Amino acid sequence: MTVHVFEAVSSPLTCLFALNKTAEGNKTRFPDAAASVRTSFYVDNYLDSFNSEEKAIKRARQLKALLQLGGFNLTKWSSSSRKVLAALKPLGLANPKLDLDLAKSPWIAP
């Protein structure tokens, strides 16, 4: 077998192993992003919070560069900040389906 079977029982573990191996192998070049890979990923989902928009943008760029070294393509980054989404759009990270217009939200009463 030369590829991993999609949706196999072992897929989550295999994904985390590959992500962690990529982070470990590149932690000198991307120390903060490598630490985030080890602590903030669940299978292929990344969840984190930042004190500033600049830190979020910087981490997203670092994660994209780091994970590309392992053959991963980070996509669909979401944020409550328009500034963050605008900065990440040229990198292909911003989720194109995300609409921050609260007036259109089904959870907000008219």
PDB file of N, CA and C in Angstrom:
ATOM      1  N   MET A   1       0.856  -1.167   0.000  1.00  0.00           N
ATOM      2  CA  MET A   1       0.000   0.000   0.000  1.00  0.00           C
ATOM      3  C   MET A   1       0.908   1.238   0.000  1.00  0.00           C
ATOM      4  N   THR A   2       0.612   2.180  -0.883  1.00  0.00           N
ATOM      5  CA  THR A   2       1.448   3.378  -0.989  1.00  0.00           C
ATOM      6  C   THR A   2       0.750   4.652  -0.528  1.00  0.00           C
ATOM      7  N   VAL A   3      -0.546   4.574  -0.234  1.00  0.00           N
ATOM      8  CA  VAL A   3      -1.286   5.724   0.266  1.00  0.00           C
ATOM      9  C   VAL A   3      -2.122   5.294   1.470  1.00  0.00           C
ATOM     10  N   HIS A   4      -2.512   6.267   2.257  1.00  0.00           N
ATOM     11  CA  HIS A   4      -3.356   5.975   3.410  1.00  0.00           C
ATOM     12  C   HIS A   4      -4.819   5.981   2.982  1.00  0.00           C
ATOM     13  N   VAL A   5      -5.575   5.044   3.476  1.00  0.00           N
ATOM     14  CA  VAL A   5      -6.991   4.933   3.136  1.00  0.00           C
ATOM     15  C   VAL A   5      -7.776   6.049   3.820  1.00  0.00           C
ATOM     16  N   PHE A   6      -8.543   6.797   3.028  1.00  0.00           N
ATOM     17  CA  PHE A   6      -9.362   7.886   3.555  1.00  0.00           C
ATOM     18  C   PHE A   6     -10.463   7.314   4.439  1.00  0.00           C
ATOM     19  N   GLU A   7     -10.703   7.930   5.582  1.00  0.00           N
ATOM     20  CA  GLU A   7     -11.718   7.551   6.571  1.00  0.00           C
ATOM     21  C   GLU A   7     -11.464   6.204   7.231  1.00  0.00           C
ATOM     22  N   ALA A   8     -10.233   5.737   7.212  1.00  0.00           N
ATOM     23  CA  ALA A   8      -9.892   4.521   7.959  1.00  0.00           C
ATOM     24  C   ALA A   8      -9.944   4.849   9.450  1.00  0.00           C
ATOM     25  N   VAL A   9     -10.100   3.845  10.281  1.00  0.00           N
ATOM     26  CA  VAL A   9     -10.152   4.051  11.731  1.00  0.00           C
ATOM     27  C   VAL A   9      -8.890   4.749  12.223  1.00  0.00           C
ATOM     28  N   SER A  10      -7.776   4.476  11.579  1.00  0.00           N
ATOM     29  CA  SER A  10      -6.501   5.059  12.001  1.00  0.00           C
ATOM     30  C   SER A  10      -6.242   6.449  11.419  1.00  0.00           C
ATOM     31  N   SER A  11      -7.122   6.971  10.598  1.00  0.00           N
ATOM     32  CA  SER A  11      -6.884   8.253   9.925  1.00  0.00           C
ATOM     33  C   SER A  11      -6.602   9.420  10.873  1.00  0.00           C
ATOM     34  N   PRO A  12      -7.374   9.622  11.949  1.00  0.00           N
ATOM     35  CA  PRO A  12      -7.067  10.743  12.843  1.00  0.00           C
ATOM     36  C   PRO A  12      -5.667  10.650  13.449  1.00  0.00           C
ATOM     37  N   LEU A  13      -5.268   9.470  13.877  1.00  0.00           N
ATOM     38  CA  LEU A  13      -3.943   9.281  14.460  1.00  0.00           C
ATOM     39  C   LEU A  13      -2.864   9.517  13.414  1.00  0.00           C
ATOM     40  N   THR A  14      -3.078   9.019  12.220  1.00  0.00           N
ATOM     41  CA  THR A  14      -2.108   9.191  11.145  1.00  0.00           C
ATOM     42  C   THR A  14      -1.951  10.665  10.796  1.00  0.00           C
ATOM     43  N   CYS A  15      -3.047  11.384  10.729  1.00  0.00           N
ATOM     44  CA  CYS A  15      -3.016  12.816  10.437  1.00  0.00           C
ATOM     45  C   CYS A  15      -2.231  13.570  11.514  1.00  0.00           C
ATOM     46  N   LEU A  16      -2.534  13.302  12.778  1.00  0.00           N
ATOM     47  CA  LEU A  16      -1.830  13.981  13.869  1.00  0.00           C
ATOM     48  C   LEU A  16      -0.347  13.629  13.888  1.00  0.00           C
ATOM     49  N   PHE A  17      -0.020  12.378  13.584  1.00  0.00           N
ATOM     50  CA  PHE A  17       1.386  11.977  13.533  1.00  0.00           C
ATOM     51  C   PHE A  17       2.123  12.780  12.464  1.00  0.00           C
ATOM     52  N   ALA A  18       1.531  12.875  11.273  1.00  0.00           N
ATOM     53  CA  ALA A  18       2.169  13.601  10.177  1.00  0.00           C
ATOM     54  C   ALA A  18       2.298  15.091  10.496  1.00  0.00           C
ATOM     55  N   LEU A  19       1.268  15.684  11.090  1.00  0.00           N
ATOM     56  CA  LEU A  19       1.340  17.098  11.482  1.00  0.00           C
ATOM     57  C   LEU A  19       2.440  17.317  12.521  1.00  0.00           C
ATOM     58  N   ASN A  20       2.468  16.469  13.539  1.00  0.00           N
ATOM     59  CA  ASN A  20       3.475  16.606  14.597  1.00  0.00           C
ATOM     60  C   ASN A  20       4.885  16.361  14.079  1.00  0.00           C
ATOM     61  N   LYS A  21       5.048  15.435  13.167  1.00  0.00           N
ATOM     62  CA  LYS A  21       6.362  15.152  12.573  1.00  0.00           C
ATOM     63  C   LYS A  21       6.834  16.367  11.772  1.00  0.00           C
ATOM     64  N   THR A  22       5.935  16.986  11.032  1.00  0.00           N
ATOM     65  CA  THR A  22       6.268  18.199  10.283  1.00  0.00           C
ATOM     66  C   THR A  22       6.677  19.316  11.239  1.00  0.00           C
ATOM     67  N   ALA A  23       5.928  19.492  12.320  1.00  0.00           N
ATOM     68  CA  ALA A  23       6.244  20.532  13.307  1.00  0.00           C
ATOM     69  C   ALA A  23       7.595  20.255  13.970  1.00  0.00           C
ATOM     70  N   GLU A  24       7.825  19.031  14.368  1.00  0.00           N
ATOM     71  CA  GLU A  24       9.080  18.669  15.038  1.00  0.00           C
ATOM     72  C   GLU A  24      10.280  18.892  14.117  1.00  0.00           C
ATOM     73  N   GLY A  25      10.132  18.537  12.863  1.00  0.00           N
ATOM     74  CA  GLY A  25      11.237  18.672  11.920  1.00  0.00           C
ATOM     75  C   GLY A  25      11.555  20.106  11.528  1.00  0.00           C
ATOM     76  N   ASN A  26      10.650  21.014  11.825  1.00  0.00           N
ATOM     77  CA  ASN A  26      10.835  22.412  11.423  1.00  0.00           C
ATOM     78  C   ASN A  26      10.701  23.387  12.584  1.00  0.00           C
ATOM     79  N   LYS A  27      10.836  22.888  13.814  1.00  0.00           N
ATOM     80  CA  LYS A  27      10.626  23.746  14.981  1.00  0.00           C
ATOM     81  C   LYS A  27      11.701  24.816  15.141  1.00  0.00           C
ATOM     82  N   THR A  28      12.880  24.616  14.585  1.00  0.00           N
ATOM     83  CA  THR A  28      13.927  25.635  14.668  1.00  0.00           C
ATOM     84  C   THR A  28      13.570  26.832  13.801  1.00  0.00           C
ATOM     85  N   ARG A  29      13.011  26.559  12.628  1.00  0.00           N
ATOM     86  CA  ARG A  29      12.642  27.623  11.695  1.00  0.00           C
ATOM     87  C   ARG A  29      11.335  28.314  12.096  1.00  0.00           C
ATOM     88  N   PHE A  30      10.378  27.540  12.619  1.00  0.00           N
ATOM     89  CA  PHE A  30       9.064  28.061  12.994  1.00  0.00           C
ATOM     90  C   PHE A  30       8.716  27.629  14.423  1.00  0.00           C
ATOM     91  N   PRO A  31       9.394  28.151  15.436  1.00  0.00           N
ATOM     92  CA  PRO A  31       9.165  27.662  16.802  1.00  0.00           C
ATOM     93  C   PRO A  31       7.745  27.874  17.331  1.00  0.00           C
ATOM     94  N   ASP A  32       7.174  29.053  17.106  1.00  0.00           N
ATOM     95  CA  ASP A  32       5.828  29.329  17.612  1.00  0.00           C
ATOM     96  C   ASP A  32       4.770  28.523  16.867  1.00  0.00           C
ATOM     97  N   ALA A  33       4.901  28.447  15.558  1.00  0.00           N
ATOM     98  CA  ALA A  33       3.944  27.681  14.762  1.00  0.00           C
ATOM     99  C   ALA A  33       4.046  26.192  15.093  1.00  0.00           C
ATOM    100  N   ALA A  34       5.256  25.692  15.291  1.00  0.00           N
ATOM    101  CA  ALA A  34       5.435  24.279  15.631  1.00  0.00           C
ATOM    102  C   ALA A  34       4.773  23.962  16.970  1.00  0.00           C
ATOM    103  N   ALA A  35       4.907  24.861  17.927  1.00  0.00           N
ATOM    104  CA  ALA A  35       4.261  24.662  19.228  1.00  0.00           C
ATOM    105  C   ALA A  35       2.744  24.661  19.072  1.00  0.00           C
ATOM    106  N   SER A  36       2.224  25.520  18.211  1.00  0.00           N
ATOM    107  CA  SER A  36       0.780  25.574  17.967  1.00  0.00           C
ATOM    108  C   SER A  36       0.270  24.290  17.323  1.00  0.00           C
ATOM    109  N   VAL A  37       1.054  23.726  16.432  1.00  0.00           N
ATOM    110  CA  VAL A  37       0.654  22.461  15.799  1.00  0.00           C
ATOM    111  C   VAL A  37       0.489  21.388  16.863  1.00  0.00           C
ATOM    112  N   ARG A  38       1.417  21.335  17.797  1.00  0.00           N
ATOM    113  CA  ARG A  38       1.380  20.298  18.836  1.00  0.00           C
ATOM    114  C   ARG A  38       0.247  20.510  19.842  1.00  0.00           C
ATOM    115  N   THR A  39      -0.191  21.752  20.039  1.00  0.00           N
ATOM    116  CA  THR A  39      -1.173  22.009  21.103  1.00  0.00           C
ATOM    117  C   THR A  39      -2.564  22.432  20.632  1.00  0.00           C
ATOM    118  N   SER A  40      -2.687  22.880  19.376  1.00  0.00           N
ATOM    119  CA  SER A  40      -3.950  23.489  18.953  1.00  0.00           C
ATOM    120  C   SER A  40      -4.642  22.797  17.785  1.00  0.00           C
ATOM    121  N   PHE A  41      -4.145  21.637  17.378  1.00  0.00           N
ATOM    122  CA  PHE A  41      -4.795  20.882  16.302  1.00  0.00           C
ATOM    123  C   PHE A  41      -5.566  19.715  16.881  1.00  0.00           C
ATOM    124  N   TYR A  42      -6.728  19.444  16.306  1.00  0.00           N
ATOM    125  CA  TYR A  42      -7.477  18.225  16.566  1.00  0.00           C
ATOM    126  C   TYR A  42      -7.755  17.634  15.191  1.00  0.00           C
ATOM    127  N   VAL A  43      -7.103  16.543  14.872  1.00  0.00           N
ATOM    128  CA  VAL A  43      -7.114  15.920  13.555  1.00  0.00           C
ATOM    129  C   VAL A  43      -6.688  16.986  12.539  1.00  0.00           C
ATOM    130  N   ASP A  44      -7.591  17.501  11.715  1.00  0.00           N
ATOM    131  CA  ASP A  44      -7.183  18.507  10.735  1.00  0.00           C
ATOM    132  C   ASP A  44      -7.803  19.878  11.009  1.00  0.00           C
ATOM    133  N   ASN A  45      -8.224  20.101  12.229  1.00  0.00           N
ATOM    134  CA  ASN A  45      -8.816  21.386  12.619  1.00  0.00           C
ATOM    135  C   ASN A  45      -7.905  22.101  13.606  1.00  0.00           C
ATOM    136  N   TYR A  46      -7.693  23.375  13.363  1.00  0.00           N
ATOM    137  CA  TYR A  46      -6.847  24.207  14.212  1.00  0.00           C
ATOM    138  C   TYR A  46      -7.725  25.237  14.915  1.00  0.00           C
ATOM    139  N   LEU A  47      -7.573  25.368  16.212  1.00  0.00           N
ATOM    140  CA  LEU A  47      -8.343  26.338  16.985  1.00  0.00           C
ATOM    141  C   LEU A  47      -7.396  27.092  17.901  1.00  0.00           C
ATOM    142  N   ASP A  48      -7.425  28.412  17.796  1.00  0.00           N
ATOM    143  CA  ASP A  48      -6.538  29.224  18.618  1.00  0.00           C
ATOM    144  C   ASP A  48      -7.178  30.594  18.815  1.00  0.00           C
ATOM    145  N   SER A  49      -6.624  31.363  19.709  1.00  0.00           N
ATOM    146  CA  SER A  49      -7.105  32.707  19.992  1.00  0.00           C
ATOM    147  C   SER A  49      -5.886  33.599  20.201  1.00  0.00           C
ATOM    148  N   PHE A  50      -6.002  34.860  19.793  1.00  0.00           N
ATOM    149  CA  PHE A  50      -4.870  35.774  19.873  1.00  0.00           C
ATOM    150  C   PHE A  50      -5.294  37.097  20.489  1.00  0.00           C
ATOM    151  N   ASN A  51      -4.336  37.779  21.118  1.00  0.00           N
ATOM    152  CA  ASN A  51      -4.596  39.064  21.759  1.00  0.00           C
ATOM    153  C   ASN A  51      -4.649  40.214  20.765  1.00  0.00           C
ATOM    154  N   SER A  52      -4.138  39.990  19.558  1.00  0.00           N
ATOM    155  CA  SER A  52      -4.151  41.061  18.564  1.00  0.00           C
ATOM    156  C   SER A  52      -4.333  40.463  17.170  1.00  0.00           C
ATOM    157  N   GLU A  53      -4.822  41.295  16.281  1.00  0.00           N
ATOM    158  CA  GLU A  53      -5.010  40.870  14.890  1.00  0.00           C
ATOM    159  C   GLU A  53      -3.663  40.587  14.235  1.00  0.00           C
ATOM    160  N   GLU A  54      -2.658  41.377  14.573  1.00  0.00           N
ATOM    161  CA  GLU A  54      -1.332  41.190  13.998  1.00  0.00           C
ATOM    162  C   GLU A  54      -0.760  39.818  14.364  1.00  0.00           C
ATOM    163  N   LYS A  55      -0.957  39.395  15.620  1.00  0.00           N
ATOM    164  CA  LYS A  55      -0.461  38.081  16.042  1.00  0.00           C
ATOM    165  C   LYS A  55      -1.193  36.953  15.311  1.00  0.00           C
ATOM    166  N   ALA A  56      -2.480  37.121  15.097  1.00  0.00           N
ATOM    167  CA  ALA A  56      -3.255  36.106  14.377  1.00  0.00           C
ATOM    168  C   ALA A  56      -2.779  35.992  12.936  1.00  0.00           C
ATOM    169  N   ILE A  57      -2.548  37.122  12.288  1.00  0.00           N
ATOM    170  CA  ILE A  57      -2.077  37.128  10.905  1.00  0.00           C
ATOM    171  C   ILE A  57      -0.689  36.487  10.810  1.00  0.00           C
ATOM    172  N   LYS A  58       0.179  36.863  11.729  1.00  0.00           N
ATOM    173  CA  LYS A  58       1.544  36.311  11.734  1.00  0.00           C
ATOM    174  C   LYS A  58       1.518  34.789  11.918  1.00  0.00           C
ATOM    175  N   ARG A  59       0.708  34.318  12.859  1.00  0.00           N
ATOM    176  CA  ARG A  59       0.640  32.871  13.112  1.00  0.00           C
ATOM    177  C   ARG A  59       0.063  32.130  11.920  1.00  0.00           C
ATOM    178  N   ALA A  60      -0.951  32.691  11.287  1.00  0.00           N
ATOM    179  CA  ALA A  60      -1.545  32.053  10.107  1.00  0.00           C
ATOM    180  C   ALA A  60      -0.513  31.914   8.999  1.00  0.00           C
ATOM    181  N   ARG A  61       0.255  32.961   8.778  1.00  0.00           N
ATOM    182  CA  ARG A  61       1.308  32.910   7.750  1.00  0.00           C
ATOM    183  C   ARG A  61       2.364  31.866   8.107  1.00  0.00           C
ATOM    184  N   GLN A  62       2.764  31.834   9.372  1.00  0.00           N
ATOM    185  CA  GLN A  62       3.759  30.854   9.819  1.00  0.00           C
ATOM    186  C   GLN A  62       3.240  29.427   9.652  1.00  0.00           C
ATOM    187  N   LEU A  63       1.991  29.204  10.056  1.00  0.00           N
ATOM    188  CA  LEU A  63       1.406  27.867   9.942  1.00  0.00           C
ATOM    189  C   LEU A  63       1.307  27.423   8.493  1.00  0.00           C
ATOM    190  N   LYS A  64       0.916  28.330   7.616  1.00  0.00           N
ATOM    191  CA  LYS A  64       0.820  27.978   6.197  1.00  0.00           C
ATOM    192  C   LYS A  64       2.183  27.559   5.673  1.00  0.00           C
ATOM    193  N   ALA A  65       3.215  28.347   5.970  1.00  0.00           N
ATOM    194  CA  ALA A  65       4.566  28.041   5.498  1.00  0.00           C
ATOM    195  C   ALA A  65       5.085  26.734   6.096  1.00  0.00           C
ATOM    196  N   LEU A  66       4.876  26.552   7.391  1.00  0.00           N
ATOM    197  CA  LEU A  66       5.330  25.330   8.065  1.00  0.00           C
ATOM    198  C   LEU A  66       4.643  24.093   7.500  1.00  0.00           C
ATOM    199  N   LEU A  67       3.336  24.132   7.409  1.00  0.00           N
ATOM    200  CA  LEU A  67       2.598  22.953   6.969  1.00  0.00           C
ATOM    201  C   LEU A  67       2.834  22.636   5.495  1.00  0.00           C
ATOM    202  N   GLN A  68       3.145  23.635   4.684  1.00  0.00           N
ATOM    203  CA  GLN A  68       3.479  23.365   3.285  1.00  0.00           C
ATOM    204  C   GLN A  68       4.739  22.511   3.184  1.00  0.00           C
ATOM    205  N   LEU A  69       5.642  22.668   4.134  1.00  0.00           N
ATOM    206  CA  LEU A  69       6.860  21.852   4.139  1.00  0.00           C
ATOM    207  C   LEU A  69       6.543  20.368   4.318  1.00  0.00           C
ATOM    208  N   GLY A  70       5.409  20.073   4.926  1.00  0.00           N
ATOM    209  CA  GLY A  70       4.984  18.685   5.113  1.00  0.00           C
ATOM    210  C   GLY A  70       3.966  18.234   4.080  1.00  0.00           C
ATOM    211  N   GLY A  71       3.687  19.077   3.094  1.00  0.00           N
ATOM    212  CA  GLY A  71       2.736  18.721   2.048  1.00  0.00           C
ATOM    213  C   GLY A  71       1.287  19.012   2.401  1.00  0.00           C
ATOM    214  N   PHE A  72       1.069  19.782   3.455  1.00  0.00           N
ATOM    215  CA  PHE A  72      -0.289  20.139   3.873  1.00  0.00           C
ATOM    216  C   PHE A  72      -0.670  21.498   3.282  1.00  0.00           C
ATOM    217  N   ASN A  73      -1.934  21.672   2.962  1.00  0.00           N
ATOM    218  CA  ASN A  73      -2.435  22.942   2.447  1.00  0.00           C
ATOM    219  C   ASN A  73      -3.494  23.474   3.407  1.00  0.00           C
ATOM    220  N   LEU A  74      -3.096  24.432   4.231  1.00  0.00           N
ATOM    221  CA  LEU A  74      -4.004  25.030   5.207  1.00  0.00           C
ATOM    222  C   LEU A  74      -4.991  25.937   4.490  1.00  0.00           C
ATOM    223  N   THR A  75      -6.292  25.731   4.730  1.00  0.00           N
ATOM    224  CA  THR A  75      -7.328  26.528   4.068  1.00  0.00           C
ATOM    225  C   THR A  75      -8.442  26.842   5.062  1.00  0.00           C
ATOM    226  N   LYS A  76      -9.364  27.693   4.626  1.00  0.00           N
ATOM    227  CA  LYS A  76     -10.593  28.011   5.354  1.00  0.00           C
ATOM    228  C   LYS A  76     -10.353  28.566   6.758  1.00  0.00           C
ATOM    229  N   TRP A  77      -9.438  29.504   6.866  1.00  0.00           N
ATOM    230  CA  TRP A  77      -9.176  30.176   8.135  1.00  0.00           C
ATOM    231  C   TRP A  77     -10.357  31.085   8.433  1.00  0.00           C
ATOM    232  N   SER A  78     -10.900  31.030   9.626  1.00  0.00           N
ATOM    233  CA  SER A  78     -12.023  31.882  10.016  1.00  0.00           C
ATOM    234  C   SER A  78     -11.598  32.797  11.148  1.00  0.00           C
ATOM    235  N   SER A  79     -12.187  33.962  11.169  1.00  0.00           N
ATOM    236  CA  SER A  79     -11.883  34.939  12.206  1.00  0.00           C
ATOM    237  C   SER A  79     -13.072  35.872  12.355  1.00  0.00           C
ATOM    238  N   SER A  80     -13.203  36.467  13.516  1.00  0.00           N
ATOM    239  CA  SER A  80     -14.244  37.474  13.721  1.00  0.00           C
ATOM    240  C   SER A  80     -13.743  38.849  13.301  1.00  0.00           C
ATOM    241  N   SER A  81     -12.514  38.916  12.798  1.00  0.00           N
ATOM    242  CA  SER A  81     -11.909  40.190  12.391  1.00  0.00           C
ATOM    243  C   SER A  81     -11.852  40.304  10.865  1.00  0.00           C
ATOM    244  N   ARG A  82     -12.437  41.369  10.358  1.00  0.00           N
ATOM    245  CA  ARG A  82     -12.361  41.624   8.913  1.00  0.00           C
ATOM    246  C   ARG A  82     -10.914  41.877   8.485  1.00  0.00           C
ATOM    247  N   LYS A  83     -10.137  42.537   9.351  1.00  0.00           N
ATOM    248  CA  LYS A  83      -8.735  42.831   9.045  1.00  0.00           C
ATOM    249  C   LYS A  83      -7.947  41.541   8.864  1.00  0.00           C
ATOM    250  N   VAL A  84      -8.152  40.587   9.738  1.00  0.00           N
ATOM    251  CA  VAL A  84      -7.453  39.307   9.637  1.00  0.00           C
ATOM    252  C   VAL A  84      -7.853  38.589   8.351  1.00  0.00           C
ATOM    253  N   LEU A  85      -9.137  38.524   8.085  1.00  0.00           N
ATOM    254  CA  LEU A  85      -9.607  37.843   6.872  1.00  0.00           C
ATOM    255  C   LEU A  85      -9.073  38.517   5.612  1.00  0.00           C
ATOM    256  N   ALA A  86      -9.038  39.850   5.598  1.00  0.00           N
ATOM    257  CA  ALA A  86      -8.532  40.579   4.430  1.00  0.00           C
ATOM    258  C   ALA A  86      -7.044  40.296   4.214  1.00  0.00           C
ATOM    259  N   ALA A  87      -6.291  40.207   5.291  1.00  0.00           N
ATOM    260  CA  ALA A  87      -4.852  39.935   5.184  1.00  0.00           C
ATOM    261  C   ALA A  87      -4.579  38.505   4.721  1.00  0.00           C
ATOM    262  N   LEU A  88      -5.459  37.590   5.056  1.00  0.00           N
ATOM    263  CA  LEU A  88      -5.232  36.187   4.723  1.00  0.00           C
ATOM    264  C   LEU A  88      -5.816  35.778   3.378  1.00  0.00           C
ATOM    265  N   LYS A  89      -6.695  36.594   2.842  1.00  0.00           N
ATOM    266  CA  LYS A  89      -7.326  36.261   1.561  1.00  0.00           C
ATOM    267  C   LYS A  89      -6.312  36.055   0.440  1.00  0.00           C
ATOM    268  N   PRO A  90      -5.306  36.944   0.268  1.00  0.00           N
ATOM    269  CA  PRO A  90      -4.332  36.736  -0.804  1.00  0.00           C
ATOM    270  C   PRO A  90      -3.516  35.442  -0.646  1.00  0.00           C
ATOM    271  N   LEU A  91      -3.436  34.925   0.568  1.00  0.00           N
ATOM    272  CA  LEU A  91      -2.698  33.686   0.817  1.00  0.00           C
ATOM    273  C   LEU A  91      -3.555  32.447   0.586  1.00  0.00           C
ATOM    274  N   GLY A  92      -4.828  32.667   0.294  1.00  0.00           N
ATOM    275  CA  GLY A  92      -5.730  31.536   0.100  1.00  0.00           C
ATOM    276  C   GLY A  92      -6.202  30.920   1.400  1.00  0.00           C
ATOM    277  N   LEU A  93      -6.064  31.650   2.499  1.00  0.00           N
ATOM    278  CA  LEU A  93      -6.432  31.110   3.807  1.00  0.00           C
ATOM    279  C   LEU A  93      -7.846  31.475   4.231  1.00  0.00           C
ATOM    280  N   ALA A  94      -8.314  32.653   3.868  1.00  0.00           N
ATOM    281  CA  ALA A  94      -9.626  33.111   4.347  1.00  0.00           C
ATOM    282  C   ALA A  94     -10.737  32.256   3.754  1.00  0.00           C
ATOM    283  N   ASN A  95     -11.684  31.898   4.596  1.00  0.00           N
ATOM    284  CA  ASN A  95     -12.825  31.097   4.165  1.00  0.00           C
ATOM    285  C   ASN A  95     -13.727  31.969   3.292  1.00  0.00           C
ATOM    286  N   PRO A  96     -13.854  31.658   1.994  1.00  0.00           N
ATOM    287  CA  PRO A  96     -14.646  32.516   1.115  1.00  0.00           C
ATOM    288  C   PRO A  96     -16.143  32.498   1.422  1.00  0.00           C
ATOM    289  N   LYS A  97     -16.618  31.521   2.169  1.00  0.00           N
ATOM    290  CA  LYS A  97     -18.044  31.418   2.479  1.00  0.00           C
ATOM    291  C   LYS A  97     -18.427  32.160   3.757  1.00  0.00           C
ATOM    292  N   LEU A  98     -17.436  32.689   4.479  1.00  0.00           N
ATOM    293  CA  LEU A  98     -17.704  33.367   5.741  1.00  0.00           C
ATOM    294  C   LEU A  98     -18.176  34.788   5.486  1.00  0.00           C
ATOM    295  N   ASP A  99     -19.336  35.128   6.018  1.00  0.00           N
ATOM    296  CA  ASP A  99     -19.904  36.472   5.881  1.00  0.00           C
ATOM    297  C   ASP A  99     -20.072  37.049   7.281  1.00  0.00           C
ATOM    298  N   LEU A 100     -19.354  38.133   7.569  1.00  0.00           N
ATOM    299  CA  LEU A 100     -19.406  38.736   8.900  1.00  0.00           C
ATOM    300  C   LEU A 100     -20.518  39.768   9.058  1.00  0.00           C
ATOM    301  N   ASP A 101     -21.396  39.869   8.086  1.00  0.00           N
ATOM    302  CA  ASP A 101     -22.506  40.808   8.166  1.00  0.00           C
ATOM    303  C   ASP A 101     -23.566  40.240   9.117  1.00  0.00           C
ATOM    304  N   LEU A 102     -23.600  40.759  10.351  1.00  0.00           N
ATOM    305  CA  LEU A 102     -24.516  40.231  11.366  1.00  0.00           C
ATOM    306  C   LEU A 102     -25.983  40.438  11.002  1.00  0.00           C
ATOM    307  N   ALA A 103     -26.264  41.410  10.156  1.00  0.00           N
ATOM    308  CA  ALA A 103     -27.652  41.639   9.761  1.00  0.00           C
ATOM    309  C   ALA A 103     -28.204  40.450   8.984  1.00  0.00           C
ATOM    310  N   LYS A 104     -27.328  39.676   8.352  1.00  0.00           N
ATOM    311  CA  LYS A 104     -27.749  38.507   7.580  1.00  0.00           C
ATOM    312  C   LYS A 104     -27.732  37.221   8.410  1.00  0.00           C
ATOM    313  N   SER A 105     -27.268  37.305   9.642  1.00  0.00           N
ATOM    314  CA  SER A 105     -27.143  36.116  10.476  1.00  0.00           C
ATOM    315  C   SER A 105     -28.493  35.570  10.883  1.00  0.00           C
ATOM    316  N   PRO A 106     -28.685  34.248  10.781  1.00  0.00           N
ATOM    317  CA  PRO A 106     -29.970  33.665  11.198  1.00  0.00           C
ATOM    318  C   PRO A 106     -30.156  33.677  12.716  1.00  0.00           C
ATOM    319  N   TRP A 107     -29.095  33.969  13.469  1.00  0.00           N
ATOM    320  CA  TRP A 107     -29.183  33.956  14.930  1.00  0.00           C
ATOM    321  C   TRP A 107     -29.471  35.327  15.516  1.00  0.00           C
ATOM    322  N   ILE A 108     -29.478  36.356  14.685  1.00  0.00           N
ATOM    323  CA  ILE A 108     -29.737  37.705  15.161  1.00  0.00           C
ATOM    324  C   ILE A 108     -31.166  38.088  14.779  1.00  0.00           C
ATOM    325  N   ALA A 109     -31.938  38.483  15.763  1.00  0.00           N
ATOM    326  CA  ALA A 109     -33.338  38.883  15.493  1.00  0.00           C
ATOM    327  C   ALA A 109     -33.343  40.202  14.724  1.00  0.00           C
ATOM    328  N   PRO A 110     -34.250  40.348  13.756  1.00  0.00           N
ATOM    329  CA  PRO A 110     -34.316  41.598  12.962  1.00  0.00           C
ATOM    330  C   PRO A 110     -34.751  42.778  13.817  1.00  0.00           C
TER     331      PRO A 110
END
